């Protein structure tokens, strides 16, 4: 079923929380059949840091937070840009990576290119739950469509800023709010 649906989809987003649902066979099927595979893995108390992005041998786009990226490359001290480059160039076959850093924004990296850093734009942080998921959900189709990573990082930060103003999952970030947020920052 995964192979069939992945082959029909223009973008497949794998959000792997490390609870065992996505195992080696599923990953192999995604790698084989997805036209464009965007991946996020999360380390949490249930998987004790063993759910690393490196279990995906390849992806078209990876979006993870800084602690998870650091675990994947076993580096606690380098800057996020160096971590992104290391991850993309030597740990997994992936041409585009974004590392989110919460209140410190994000860094984008495209293989063979330059690391770009984008500051966070959130002004009113109420609840950070789901901000990374919102970031991934909006940036994955943008990356798949060939958007410049500079634009993707900026738009992702705007979505994250909008999401942290929402308690839990009471509502979604909508298109109108996103366009208004982007427009106000570009003035």
N, C-alpha and C. Protein backbone atom coordinates (compact mmCIF):
# COMPACT_ATOMS: atom_id res chain seq x y z
N UNK A 1 0.81 -1.18 0.00
CA UNK A 1 0.00 0.00 0.00
C UNK A 1 0.87 1.27 0.00
N UNK A 2 1.94 1.26 0.77
CA UNK A 2 2.83 2.42 0.83
C UNK A 2 3.45 2.67 -0.54
N UNK A 3 3.92 1.63 -1.18
CA UNK A 3 4.53 1.77 -2.50
C UNK A 3 3.54 2.35 -3.50
N UNK A 4 2.32 1.86 -3.47
CA UNK A 4 1.29 2.32 -4.40
C UNK A 4 0.98 3.81 -4.19
N UNK A 5 0.76 4.21 -2.96
CA UNK A 5 0.42 5.60 -2.68
C UNK A 5 1.61 6.53 -2.87
N UNK A 6 2.80 6.08 -2.51
CA UNK A 6 4.00 6.91 -2.68
C UNK A 6 4.24 7.19 -4.16
N UNK A 7 4.04 6.19 -5.00
CA UNK A 7 4.27 6.35 -6.43
C UNK A 7 3.28 7.34 -7.06
N UNK A 8 2.08 7.44 -6.50
CA UNK A 8 1.05 8.33 -7.03
C UNK A 8 1.20 9.77 -6.53
N UNK A 9 1.97 9.97 -5.48
CA UNK A 9 2.07 11.28 -4.83
C UNK A 9 3.24 12.08 -5.37
N UNK A 10 3.03 13.38 -5.49
CA UNK A 10 4.13 14.24 -5.94
C UNK A 10 5.13 14.49 -4.81
N UNK A 11 4.63 14.54 -3.58
CA UNK A 11 5.48 14.75 -2.41
C UNK A 11 5.05 13.78 -1.32
N UNK A 12 6.00 13.05 -0.77
CA UNK A 12 5.74 12.18 0.38
C UNK A 12 6.49 12.77 1.56
N UNK A 13 5.76 13.02 2.64
CA UNK A 13 6.37 13.56 3.86
C UNK A 13 6.34 12.47 4.92
N UNK A 14 7.52 12.04 5.35
CA UNK A 14 7.63 11.03 6.40
C UNK A 14 7.98 11.73 7.70
N UNK A 15 7.06 11.68 8.64
CA UNK A 15 7.33 12.22 9.98
C UNK A 15 7.50 11.02 10.91
N UNK A 16 8.73 10.73 11.22
CA UNK A 16 9.09 9.51 11.93
C UNK A 16 9.38 9.84 13.39
N UNK A 17 8.45 9.47 14.27
CA UNK A 17 8.58 9.78 15.69
C UNK A 17 9.32 8.68 16.46
N UNK A 18 9.72 7.63 15.76
CA UNK A 18 10.51 6.60 16.41
C UNK A 18 9.74 5.63 17.27
N UNK A 19 8.45 5.47 17.00
CA UNK A 19 7.63 4.54 17.78
C UNK A 19 7.54 3.16 17.14
N UNK A 20 8.23 2.95 16.02
CA UNK A 20 8.27 1.64 15.39
C UNK A 20 7.37 1.47 14.18
N UNK A 21 6.54 2.45 13.89
CA UNK A 21 5.64 2.34 12.74
C UNK A 21 6.41 2.36 11.43
N UNK A 22 7.45 3.16 11.36
CA UNK A 22 8.26 3.25 10.15
C UNK A 22 9.56 2.49 10.38
N UNK A 23 9.60 1.28 9.84
CA UNK A 23 10.77 0.42 9.98
C UNK A 23 11.54 0.33 8.68
N UNK A 24 12.55 -0.52 8.62
CA UNK A 24 13.40 -0.64 7.43
C UNK A 24 12.64 -0.95 6.14
N UNK A 25 11.63 -1.82 6.20
CA UNK A 25 10.87 -2.15 4.98
C UNK A 25 10.09 -0.95 4.46
N UNK A 26 9.51 -0.18 5.37
CA UNK A 26 8.77 1.02 4.97
C UNK A 26 9.72 2.05 4.38
N UNK A 27 10.86 2.24 5.03
CA UNK A 27 11.85 3.19 4.53
C UNK A 27 12.32 2.79 3.13
N UNK A 28 12.61 1.51 2.94
CA UNK A 28 13.02 1.03 1.61
C UNK A 28 11.95 1.29 0.57
N UNK A 29 10.70 1.06 0.94
CA UNK A 29 9.59 1.29 0.01
C UNK A 29 9.47 2.77 -0.33
N UNK A 30 9.60 3.62 0.66
CA UNK A 30 9.54 5.06 0.42
C UNK A 30 10.69 5.50 -0.50
N UNK A 31 11.88 5.03 -0.21
CA UNK A 31 13.03 5.39 -1.04
C UNK A 31 12.86 4.92 -2.48
N UNK A 32 12.29 3.75 -2.65
CA UNK A 32 12.14 3.18 -3.99
C UNK A 32 11.01 3.83 -4.79
N UNK A 33 9.92 4.20 -4.12
CA UNK A 33 8.73 4.61 -4.86
C UNK A 33 8.37 6.09 -4.80
N UNK A 34 8.82 6.81 -3.81
CA UNK A 34 8.45 8.22 -3.69
C UNK A 34 9.17 9.04 -4.76
N UNK A 35 8.42 9.88 -5.44
CA UNK A 35 9.03 10.79 -6.42
C UNK A 35 9.88 11.84 -5.71
N UNK A 36 9.36 12.31 -4.58
CA UNK A 36 10.07 13.30 -3.76
C UNK A 36 9.80 12.93 -2.31
N UNK A 37 10.87 12.66 -1.56
CA UNK A 37 10.73 12.23 -0.17
C UNK A 37 11.29 13.29 0.77
N UNK A 38 10.42 13.85 1.60
CA UNK A 38 10.80 14.78 2.65
C UNK A 38 10.72 14.03 3.98
N UNK A 39 11.75 14.16 4.81
CA UNK A 39 11.81 13.37 6.04
C UNK A 39 12.12 14.24 7.25
N UNK A 40 11.44 13.90 8.33
CA UNK A 40 11.74 14.45 9.65
C UNK A 40 11.74 13.28 10.61
N UNK A 41 12.81 13.13 11.38
CA UNK A 41 12.83 12.14 12.45
C UNK A 41 12.93 12.90 13.76
N UNK A 42 12.34 12.32 14.79
CA UNK A 42 12.39 12.97 16.08
C UNK A 42 12.95 12.04 17.14
N UNK A 43 13.78 12.60 17.99
CA UNK A 43 14.27 11.88 19.14
C UNK A 43 13.46 12.34 20.34
N UNK A 44 13.02 11.39 21.14
CA UNK A 44 12.19 11.71 22.29
C UNK A 44 12.40 10.67 23.38
N UNK A 45 11.71 10.80 24.48
CA UNK A 45 11.91 9.88 25.61
C UNK A 45 11.49 8.45 25.27
N UNK A 46 10.62 8.28 24.30
CA UNK A 46 10.17 6.93 23.93
C UNK A 46 11.20 6.18 23.08
N UNK A 47 12.04 6.91 22.33
CA UNK A 47 13.03 6.22 21.51
C UNK A 47 14.46 6.47 21.99
N UNK A 48 14.61 7.21 23.07
CA UNK A 48 15.87 7.44 23.76
C UNK A 48 17.01 7.87 22.84
N UNK A 49 16.70 8.65 21.81
CA UNK A 49 17.75 9.15 20.93
C UNK A 49 18.24 8.17 19.89
N UNK A 50 17.53 7.06 19.69
CA UNK A 50 17.95 6.06 18.71
C UNK A 50 17.22 6.21 17.38
N UNK A 51 16.42 7.24 17.22
CA UNK A 51 15.66 7.44 15.98
C UNK A 51 16.33 8.54 15.16
N UNK A 52 17.46 8.23 14.59
CA UNK A 52 18.26 9.23 13.89
C UNK A 52 17.90 9.31 12.41
N UNK A 53 18.09 10.47 11.83
CA UNK A 53 17.82 10.69 10.41
C UNK A 53 18.70 9.78 9.55
N UNK A 54 19.81 9.33 10.07
CA UNK A 54 20.73 8.49 9.30
C UNK A 54 20.16 7.11 8.98
N UNK A 55 19.03 6.74 9.58
CA UNK A 55 18.42 5.46 9.21
C UNK A 55 17.78 5.56 7.83
N UNK A 56 17.62 6.78 7.34
CA UNK A 56 17.18 7.02 5.96
C UNK A 56 18.45 7.19 5.12
N UNK A 57 18.74 6.24 4.28
CA UNK A 57 19.96 6.33 3.48
C UNK A 57 19.90 7.46 2.47
N UNK A 58 18.67 7.78 2.06
CA UNK A 58 18.53 8.90 1.14
C UNK A 58 17.17 9.56 1.32
N UNK A 59 17.13 10.82 0.94
CA UNK A 59 15.90 11.60 0.95
C UNK A 59 16.14 12.78 0.02
N UNK A 60 15.08 13.40 -0.41
CA UNK A 60 15.22 14.58 -1.26
C UNK A 60 15.33 15.85 -0.42
N UNK A 61 14.78 15.78 0.78
CA UNK A 61 14.78 16.94 1.68
C UNK A 61 14.67 16.42 3.11
N UNK A 62 15.51 16.96 3.98
CA UNK A 62 15.46 16.63 5.40
C UNK A 62 15.26 17.92 6.17
N UNK A 63 14.35 17.87 7.13
CA UNK A 63 14.08 19.01 8.00
C UNK A 63 14.01 18.48 9.43
N UNK A 64 15.02 18.81 10.22
CA UNK A 64 15.07 18.35 11.62
C UNK A 64 15.57 19.48 12.50
N UNK A 65 15.35 19.32 13.79
CA UNK A 65 15.83 20.37 14.70
C UNK A 65 17.29 20.14 15.05
N UNK A 66 17.90 21.15 15.62
CA UNK A 66 19.34 21.12 15.90
C UNK A 66 19.78 19.97 16.80
N UNK A 67 19.09 19.69 17.91
CA UNK A 67 19.53 18.55 18.73
C UNK A 67 19.50 17.22 17.96
N UNK A 68 18.49 17.02 17.13
CA UNK A 68 18.41 15.77 16.36
C UNK A 68 19.51 15.71 15.30
N UNK A 69 19.82 16.84 14.69
CA UNK A 69 20.90 16.88 13.71
C UNK A 69 22.24 16.61 14.39
N UNK A 70 22.42 17.17 15.58
CA UNK A 70 23.67 16.95 16.31
C UNK A 70 23.85 15.48 16.68
N UNK A 71 22.77 14.84 17.10
CA UNK A 71 22.84 13.41 17.40
C UNK A 71 23.25 12.61 16.16
N UNK A 72 22.69 12.98 15.02
CA UNK A 72 22.94 12.23 13.78
C UNK A 72 24.39 12.30 13.33
N UNK A 73 25.06 13.39 13.63
CA UNK A 73 26.46 13.52 13.22
C UNK A 73 27.42 13.43 14.40
N UNK A 74 26.89 13.16 15.59
CA UNK A 74 27.69 13.01 16.81
C UNK A 74 28.61 14.21 17.03
N UNK A 75 27.99 15.41 17.01
CA UNK A 75 28.76 16.64 17.16
C UNK A 75 27.95 17.61 18.03
N UNK A 76 28.46 17.87 19.23
CA UNK A 76 27.76 18.74 20.17
C UNK A 76 28.19 20.19 20.09
N UNK A 77 29.26 20.50 19.35
CA UNK A 77 29.82 21.84 19.45
C UNK A 77 29.80 22.68 18.17
N UNK A 78 29.80 22.07 17.01
CA UNK A 78 29.85 22.84 15.76
C UNK A 78 28.57 23.64 15.56
N UNK A 79 28.67 24.66 14.75
CA UNK A 79 27.51 25.46 14.42
C UNK A 79 26.52 24.68 13.58
N UNK A 80 25.27 25.12 13.58
CA UNK A 80 24.22 24.41 12.85
C UNK A 80 24.51 24.33 11.36
N UNK A 81 25.13 25.34 10.80
CA UNK A 81 25.49 25.31 9.38
C UNK A 81 26.48 24.21 9.07
N UNK A 82 27.49 24.06 9.92
CA UNK A 82 28.47 22.99 9.74
C UNK A 82 27.82 21.62 9.91
N UNK A 83 26.88 21.53 10.85
CA UNK A 83 26.16 20.27 11.07
C UNK A 83 25.34 19.93 9.81
N UNK A 84 24.65 20.92 9.25
CA UNK A 84 23.84 20.69 8.04
C UNK A 84 24.72 20.22 6.90
N UNK A 85 25.84 20.88 6.71
CA UNK A 85 26.76 20.50 5.64
C UNK A 85 27.27 19.07 5.84
N UNK A 86 27.67 18.76 7.05
CA UNK A 86 28.20 17.43 7.37
C UNK A 86 27.12 16.36 7.12
N UNK A 87 25.92 16.62 7.57
CA UNK A 87 24.82 15.68 7.39
C UNK A 87 24.57 15.42 5.91
N UNK A 88 24.49 16.48 5.14
CA UNK A 88 24.16 16.41 3.72
C UNK A 88 25.31 15.84 2.88
N UNK A 89 26.52 16.17 3.25
CA UNK A 89 27.67 15.76 2.44
C UNK A 89 28.20 14.37 2.76
N UNK A 90 28.00 13.91 4.01
CA UNK A 90 28.65 12.64 4.35
C UNK A 90 27.80 11.62 5.10
N UNK A 91 26.66 12.01 5.64
CA UNK A 91 25.89 11.06 6.44
C UNK A 91 24.73 10.41 5.69
N UNK A 92 24.03 11.19 4.88
CA UNK A 92 22.93 10.63 4.10
C UNK A 92 22.95 11.25 2.71
N UNK A 93 22.37 10.55 1.78
CA UNK A 93 22.26 11.06 0.41
C UNK A 93 21.05 11.98 0.36
N UNK A 94 21.30 13.26 0.52
CA UNK A 94 20.21 14.23 0.57
C UNK A 94 20.74 15.59 0.10
N UNK A 95 20.16 16.14 -0.95
CA UNK A 95 20.68 17.40 -1.49
C UNK A 95 20.27 18.65 -0.72
N UNK A 96 19.19 18.59 0.07
CA UNK A 96 18.70 19.80 0.73
C UNK A 96 18.32 19.52 2.18
N UNK A 97 18.82 20.37 3.08
CA UNK A 97 18.60 20.18 4.51
C UNK A 97 18.25 21.52 5.14
N UNK A 98 17.29 21.49 6.05
CA UNK A 98 17.04 22.64 6.92
C UNK A 98 17.11 22.15 8.36
N UNK A 99 17.85 22.88 9.17
CA UNK A 99 17.91 22.60 10.60
C UNK A 99 17.21 23.75 11.31
N UNK A 100 16.14 23.41 12.02
CA UNK A 100 15.40 24.42 12.77
C UNK A 100 16.03 24.57 14.14
N UNK A 101 15.97 25.80 14.67
CA UNK A 101 16.61 26.10 15.94
C UNK A 101 15.72 26.91 16.87
N UNK A 102 14.42 26.72 16.77
CA UNK A 102 13.50 27.42 17.66
C UNK A 102 13.69 28.92 17.64
N UNK A 103 13.93 29.50 18.79
CA UNK A 103 14.06 30.96 18.89
C UNK A 103 15.27 31.51 18.15
N UNK A 104 16.12 30.63 17.67
CA UNK A 104 17.30 31.06 16.91
C UNK A 104 17.10 30.92 15.41
N UNK A 105 15.88 30.62 14.97
CA UNK A 105 15.59 30.56 13.54
C UNK A 105 15.95 29.23 12.92
N UNK A 106 16.53 29.28 11.72
CA UNK A 106 16.90 28.06 11.02
C UNK A 106 18.10 28.30 10.12
N UNK A 107 18.70 27.20 9.70
CA UNK A 107 19.74 27.27 8.67
C UNK A 107 19.32 26.37 7.52
N UNK A 108 19.63 26.82 6.31
CA UNK A 108 19.35 26.03 5.13
C UNK A 108 20.67 25.67 4.46
N UNK A 109 20.67 24.51 3.83
CA UNK A 109 21.86 24.11 3.09
C UNK A 109 21.45 23.26 1.90
N UNK A 110 22.03 23.57 0.77
CA UNK A 110 21.86 22.77 -0.43
C UNK A 110 23.23 22.25 -0.82
N UNK A 111 23.32 20.95 -1.08
CA UNK A 111 24.61 20.32 -1.37
C UNK A 111 25.40 21.14 -2.39
N UNK A 112 26.65 21.39 -2.06
CA UNK A 112 27.54 22.14 -2.93
C UNK A 112 27.35 23.65 -2.85
N UNK A 113 26.41 24.09 -2.04
CA UNK A 113 26.10 25.51 -1.93
C UNK A 113 26.58 26.12 -0.64
N UNK A 114 25.94 27.18 -0.27
CA UNK A 114 26.29 27.95 0.91
C UNK A 114 25.24 27.76 1.99
N UNK A 115 25.67 27.78 3.22
CA UNK A 115 24.74 27.75 4.35
C UNK A 115 24.14 29.14 4.51
N UNK A 116 22.82 29.18 4.71
CA UNK A 116 22.13 30.45 4.95
C UNK A 116 21.43 30.37 6.30
N UNK A 117 21.54 31.42 7.08
CA UNK A 117 20.92 31.49 8.39
C UNK A 117 19.78 32.50 8.36
N UNK A 118 18.66 32.11 8.95
CA UNK A 118 17.48 32.98 9.00
C UNK A 118 17.05 33.13 10.44
N UNK A 119 16.88 34.37 10.90
CA UNK A 119 16.46 34.58 12.28
C UNK A 119 15.00 34.19 12.48
N UNK A 120 14.66 33.85 13.69
CA UNK A 120 13.27 33.59 14.03
C UNK A 120 12.51 34.92 13.93
N UNK A 121 11.24 34.83 13.59
CA UNK A 121 10.44 36.04 13.47
C UNK A 121 9.26 36.06 14.44
N UNK A 122 9.20 35.07 15.32
CA UNK A 122 8.10 34.99 16.30
C UNK A 122 8.19 36.14 17.28
N UNK A 123 7.03 36.71 17.58
CA UNK A 123 6.96 37.81 18.54
C UNK A 123 6.20 37.42 19.80
N UNK A 124 5.22 36.53 19.65
CA UNK A 124 4.34 36.19 20.76
C UNK A 124 4.28 34.68 20.92
N UNK A 125 5.23 34.11 21.62
CA UNK A 125 5.30 32.66 21.77
C UNK A 125 4.38 32.22 22.89
N UNK A 126 3.39 31.40 22.52
CA UNK A 126 2.43 30.87 23.48
C UNK A 126 2.64 29.38 23.69
N UNK A 127 2.83 28.64 22.59
CA UNK A 127 2.97 27.19 22.65
C UNK A 127 3.78 26.72 21.45
N UNK A 128 4.92 26.09 21.71
CA UNK A 128 5.80 25.67 20.62
C UNK A 128 5.44 24.30 20.02
N UNK A 129 4.49 23.60 20.63
CA UNK A 129 4.10 22.27 20.14
C UNK A 129 3.58 22.39 18.72
N UNK A 130 4.18 21.62 17.82
CA UNK A 130 3.72 21.57 16.44
C UNK A 130 4.37 22.57 15.51
N UNK A 131 5.21 23.45 16.03
CA UNK A 131 5.84 24.45 15.17
C UNK A 131 6.75 23.80 14.12
N UNK A 132 7.53 22.82 14.54
CA UNK A 132 8.39 22.11 13.59
C UNK A 132 7.59 21.34 12.56
N UNK A 133 6.47 20.77 12.97
CA UNK A 133 5.60 20.04 12.04
C UNK A 133 4.99 20.98 11.02
N UNK A 134 4.57 22.17 11.46
CA UNK A 134 4.03 23.16 10.53
C UNK A 134 5.12 23.61 9.56
N UNK A 135 6.33 23.80 10.08
CA UNK A 135 7.47 24.18 9.25
C UNK A 135 7.68 23.13 8.16
N UNK A 136 7.74 21.87 8.54
CA UNK A 136 7.94 20.77 7.59
C UNK A 136 6.82 20.71 6.57
N UNK A 137 5.58 20.85 7.02
CA UNK A 137 4.42 20.72 6.13
C UNK A 137 4.41 21.77 5.03
N UNK A 138 4.82 22.98 5.34
CA UNK A 138 4.81 24.04 4.32
C UNK A 138 6.08 24.02 3.48
N UNK A 139 7.21 23.66 4.06
CA UNK A 139 8.46 23.73 3.30
C UNK A 139 8.66 22.55 2.36
N UNK A 140 8.13 21.40 2.69
CA UNK A 140 8.33 20.21 1.84
C UNK A 140 7.83 20.42 0.41
N UNK A 141 6.58 20.86 0.22
CA UNK A 141 6.13 21.09 -1.16
C UNK A 141 6.89 22.22 -1.85
N UNK A 142 7.34 23.21 -1.08
CA UNK A 142 8.12 24.29 -1.67
C UNK A 142 9.45 23.77 -2.21
N UNK A 143 10.13 22.94 -1.41
CA UNK A 143 11.39 22.36 -1.86
C UNK A 143 11.15 21.46 -3.07
N UNK A 144 10.10 20.66 -3.02
CA UNK A 144 9.77 19.77 -4.15
C UNK A 144 9.50 20.55 -5.43
N UNK A 145 8.92 21.73 -5.29
CA UNK A 145 8.60 22.56 -6.46
C UNK A 145 9.82 23.31 -6.99
N UNK A 146 10.94 23.20 -6.27
CA UNK A 146 12.17 23.84 -6.74
C UNK A 146 12.40 25.25 -6.21
N UNK A 147 11.69 25.64 -5.17
CA UNK A 147 11.89 26.98 -4.59
C UNK A 147 13.32 27.12 -4.07
N UNK A 148 13.81 28.32 -4.11
CA UNK A 148 15.14 28.61 -3.58
C UNK A 148 15.15 28.36 -2.08
N UNK A 149 16.20 27.75 -1.58
CA UNK A 149 16.28 27.43 -0.16
C UNK A 149 16.22 28.68 0.71
N UNK A 150 16.69 29.82 0.19
CA UNK A 150 16.58 31.08 0.94
C UNK A 150 15.11 31.40 1.20
N UNK A 151 14.30 31.29 0.16
CA UNK A 151 12.87 31.57 0.30
C UNK A 151 12.20 30.55 1.21
N UNK A 152 12.59 29.30 1.08
CA UNK A 152 12.01 28.23 1.89
C UNK A 152 12.28 28.47 3.38
N UNK A 153 13.51 28.81 3.72
CA UNK A 153 13.85 29.07 5.13
C UNK A 153 13.05 30.23 5.70
N UNK A 154 12.93 31.30 4.93
CA UNK A 154 12.17 32.47 5.38
C UNK A 154 10.70 32.12 5.59
N UNK A 155 10.09 31.47 4.60
CA UNK A 155 8.67 31.11 4.70
C UNK A 155 8.45 30.13 5.84
N UNK A 156 9.35 29.17 6.00
CA UNK A 156 9.24 28.23 7.11
C UNK A 156 9.24 28.93 8.46
N UNK A 157 10.10 29.92 8.61
CA UNK A 157 10.15 30.67 9.87
C UNK A 157 8.87 31.46 10.11
N UNK A 158 8.28 31.98 9.05
CA UNK A 158 7.00 32.70 9.20
C UNK A 158 5.92 31.73 9.67
N UNK A 159 5.87 30.55 9.07
CA UNK A 159 4.88 29.54 9.49
C UNK A 159 5.10 29.15 10.94
N UNK A 160 6.36 28.92 11.31
CA UNK A 160 6.66 28.58 12.70
C UNK A 160 6.23 29.68 13.66
N UNK A 161 6.45 30.93 13.27
CA UNK A 161 6.05 32.06 14.11
C UNK A 161 4.53 32.11 14.28
N UNK A 162 3.81 31.83 13.22
CA UNK A 162 2.35 31.82 13.31
C UNK A 162 1.87 30.67 14.19
N UNK A 163 2.51 29.51 14.07
CA UNK A 163 2.09 28.33 14.84
C UNK A 163 2.32 28.50 16.33
N UNK A 164 3.41 29.15 16.73
CA UNK A 164 3.69 29.29 18.17
C UNK A 164 2.73 30.26 18.86
N UNK A 165 1.90 30.94 18.09
CA UNK A 165 0.87 31.81 18.66
C UNK A 165 -0.44 31.07 18.90
N UNK A 166 -0.49 29.80 18.55
CA UNK A 166 -1.70 28.98 18.68
C UNK A 166 -1.49 27.98 19.81
N UNK A 167 -2.45 27.89 20.72
CA UNK A 167 -2.37 26.92 21.81
C UNK A 167 -2.69 25.53 21.23
N UNK A 168 -1.74 24.62 21.44
CA UNK A 168 -1.94 23.24 20.97
C UNK A 168 -2.27 23.20 19.49
N UNK A 169 -3.32 22.43 19.17
CA UNK A 169 -3.74 22.29 17.78
C UNK A 169 -5.17 22.78 17.61
N UNK A 170 -5.48 23.86 18.29
CA UNK A 170 -6.85 24.41 18.24
C UNK A 170 -7.24 24.87 16.85
N UNK A 171 -6.25 25.35 16.09
CA UNK A 171 -6.52 25.74 14.71
C UNK A 171 -5.23 25.60 13.92
N UNK A 172 -5.37 25.63 12.62
CA UNK A 172 -4.23 25.51 11.72
C UNK A 172 -3.75 26.88 11.28
N UNK A 173 -2.54 26.92 10.80
CA UNK A 173 -2.04 28.13 10.16
C UNK A 173 -2.69 28.16 8.78
N UNK A 174 -3.42 29.22 8.49
CA UNK A 174 -4.12 29.27 7.20
C UNK A 174 -3.36 30.13 6.18
N UNK A 175 -3.75 29.98 4.95
CA UNK A 175 -3.09 30.67 3.84
C UNK A 175 -3.12 32.19 4.02
N UNK A 176 -4.25 32.72 4.41
CA UNK A 176 -4.39 34.18 4.57
C UNK A 176 -3.40 34.70 5.61
N UNK A 177 -3.31 34.01 6.75
CA UNK A 177 -2.37 34.43 7.80
C UNK A 177 -0.93 34.35 7.31
N UNK A 178 -0.62 33.30 6.56
CA UNK A 178 0.75 33.14 6.04
C UNK A 178 1.10 34.27 5.08
N UNK A 179 0.21 34.55 4.16
CA UNK A 179 0.48 35.63 3.20
C UNK A 179 0.61 36.97 3.91
N UNK A 180 -0.27 37.21 4.87
CA UNK A 180 -0.22 38.46 5.65
C UNK A 180 1.10 38.54 6.43
N UNK A 181 1.53 37.43 7.03
CA UNK A 181 2.79 37.41 7.78
C UNK A 181 4.00 37.67 6.90
N UNK A 182 4.02 37.04 5.74
CA UNK A 182 5.13 37.25 4.79
C UNK A 182 5.16 38.70 4.32
N UNK A 183 3.99 39.20 3.94
CA UNK A 183 3.89 40.57 3.43
C UNK A 183 4.34 41.60 4.47
N UNK A 184 3.91 41.42 5.71
CA UNK A 184 4.27 42.39 6.74
C UNK A 184 5.77 42.40 7.01
N UNK A 185 6.42 41.26 6.89
CA UNK A 185 7.87 41.21 7.13
C UNK A 185 8.67 41.75 5.95
N UNK A 186 8.09 41.73 4.77
CA UNK A 186 8.80 42.22 3.59
C UNK A 186 8.66 43.73 3.37
N UNK A 187 7.78 44.37 4.15
CA UNK A 187 7.60 45.83 4.00
C UNK A 187 8.75 46.58 4.57
